Amino acid sequence: MPRVSPFHSINEEKKPAAIRVYHDNSACAPGRDIPQFERRVGTNGYRLCDDCKKLNDQGR
C-alpha cells in the first residue's frame, strides 16, 4: 500500500477542530490536491482522512 509519512495542510487550522484531518496514503485524492508548499509533516493531533482510512483498509 502506498503509505507515506503523515502530513497535513496548513489550511486545516482554519477549519472547525472536528473536521481537521491528516493524510498518510499517496493514493488519496484530497491529499494529492494539497500543494507541497502547504504541507506540514505530522498529524498535528488531527484525525486520519476518511479517504486515507478507506484506502489503507483496502490495502491500496
C-alpha atoms as a PDB file:
ATOM      1  CA  MET A   1       0.000   0.000   0.000  1.00  0.00           C
ATOM      2  CA  PRO A   2       1.315   3.483  -0.807  1.00  0.00           C
ATOM      3  CA  ARG A   3       1.723   4.721   2.757  1.00  0.00           C
ATOM      4  CA  VAL A   4       3.675   7.910   3.278  1.00  0.00           C
ATOM      5  CA  SER A   5       4.753   9.839   6.351  1.00  0.00           C
ATOM      6  CA  PRO A   6       1.750  11.605   7.867  1.00  0.00           C
ATOM      7  CA  PHE A   7       1.175  15.150   6.687  1.00  0.00           C
ATOM      8  CA  HIS A   8      -1.492  17.831   6.922  1.00  0.00           C
ATOM      9  CA  SER A   9      -2.347  21.081   5.215  1.00  0.00           C
ATOM     10  CA  ILE A  10      -1.531  24.409   6.827  1.00  0.00           C
ATOM     11  CA  ASN A  11      -5.135  25.329   5.994  1.00  0.00           C
ATOM     12  CA  GLU A  12      -6.577  22.711   8.376  1.00  0.00           C
ATOM     13  CA  GLU A  13      -6.329  25.142  11.289  1.00  0.00           C
ATOM     14  CA  LYS A  14      -8.882  27.372   9.539  1.00  0.00           C
ATOM     15  CA  LYS A  15     -11.463  24.559   9.748  1.00  0.00           C
ATOM     16  CA  PRO A  16     -13.535  23.577  12.788  1.00  0.00           C
ATOM     17  CA  ALA A  17     -11.498  21.236  15.010  1.00  0.00           C
ATOM     18  CA  ALA A  18     -13.909  18.334  14.460  1.00  0.00           C
ATOM     19  CA  ILE A  19     -13.182  18.135  10.722  1.00  0.00           C
ATOM     20  CA  ARG A  20      -9.413  18.696  10.636  1.00  0.00           C
ATOM     21  CA  VAL A  21      -7.574  15.752   9.073  1.00  0.00           C
ATOM     22  CA  TYR A  22      -4.146  14.449   8.192  1.00  0.00           C
ATOM     23  CA  HIS A  23      -3.155  12.123   5.351  1.00  0.00           C
ATOM     24  CA  ASP A  24      -0.856   9.095   5.124  1.00  0.00           C
ATOM     25  CA  ASN A  25      -1.680   7.476   1.773  1.00  0.00           C
ATOM     26  CA  SER A  26      -0.230   8.707  -1.520  1.00  0.00           C
ATOM     27  CA  ALA A  27      -3.281   7.414  -3.424  1.00  0.00           C
ATOM     28  CA  CYS A  28      -5.634   9.736  -1.511  1.00  0.00           C
ATOM     29  CA  ALA A  29      -7.101  12.288  -3.934  1.00  0.00           C
ATOM     30  CA  PRO A  30      -7.697  15.052  -1.348  1.00  0.00           C
ATOM     31  CA  GLY A  31      -4.163  14.554  -0.030  1.00  0.00           C
ATOM     32  CA  ARG A  32      -2.701  14.749  -3.535  1.00  0.00           C
ATOM     33  CA  ASP A  33      -4.568  18.030  -4.072  1.00  0.00           C
ATOM     34  CA  ILE A  34      -2.588  19.726  -1.291  1.00  0.00           C
ATOM     35  CA  PRO A  35       0.298  21.659  -2.859  1.00  0.00           C
ATOM     36  CA  GLN A  36       3.739  20.797  -1.475  1.00  0.00           C
ATOM     37  CA  PHE A  37       4.229  24.316  -0.112  1.00  0.00           C
ATOM     38  CA  GLU A  38       1.051  23.960   2.000  1.00  0.00           C
ATOM     39  CA  ARG A  39       2.039  20.585   3.517  1.00  0.00           C
ATOM     40  CA  ARG A  40       3.403  20.138   7.003  1.00  0.00           C
ATOM     41  CA  VAL A  41       4.858  16.917   8.422  1.00  0.00           C
ATOM     42  CA  GLY A  42       2.908  15.091  11.119  1.00  0.00           C
ATOM     43  CA  THR A  43      -0.646  14.593  12.266  1.00  0.00           C
ATOM     44  CA  ASN A  44      -0.857  17.752  14.392  1.00  0.00           C
ATOM     45  CA  GLY A  45      -3.371  15.827  16.525  1.00  0.00           C
ATOM     46  CA  TYR A  46      -5.908  15.645  13.699  1.00  0.00           C
ATOM     47  CA  ARG A  47      -7.878  12.528  12.742  1.00  0.00           C
ATOM     48  CA  LEU A  48      -6.989  10.402   9.732  1.00  0.00           C
ATOM     49  CA  CYS A  49      -8.684  11.416   6.477  1.00  0.00           C
ATOM     50  CA  ASP A  50     -11.636   9.133   5.625  1.00  0.00           C
ATOM     51  CA  ASP A  51     -10.263   8.520   2.112  1.00  0.00           C
ATOM     52  CA  CYS A  52      -6.850   7.524   3.503  1.00  0.00           C
ATOM     53  CA  LYS A  53      -8.509   5.200   6.023  1.00  0.00           C
ATOM     54  CA  LYS A  54     -10.574   3.526   3.310  1.00  0.00           C
ATOM     55  CA  LEU A  55      -7.531   3.070   1.052  1.00  0.00           C
ATOM     56  CA  ASN A  56      -5.444   1.748   3.949  1.00  0.00           C
ATOM     57  CA  ASP A  57      -8.188  -0.713   4.933  1.00  0.00           C
ATOM     58  CA  GLN A  58      -8.346  -1.951   1.325  1.00  0.00           C
ATOM     59  CA  GLY A  59      -4.564  -2.367   1.230  1.00  0.00           C
ATOM     60  CA  ARG A  60      -4.240   0.232  -1.536  1.00  0.00           C
END
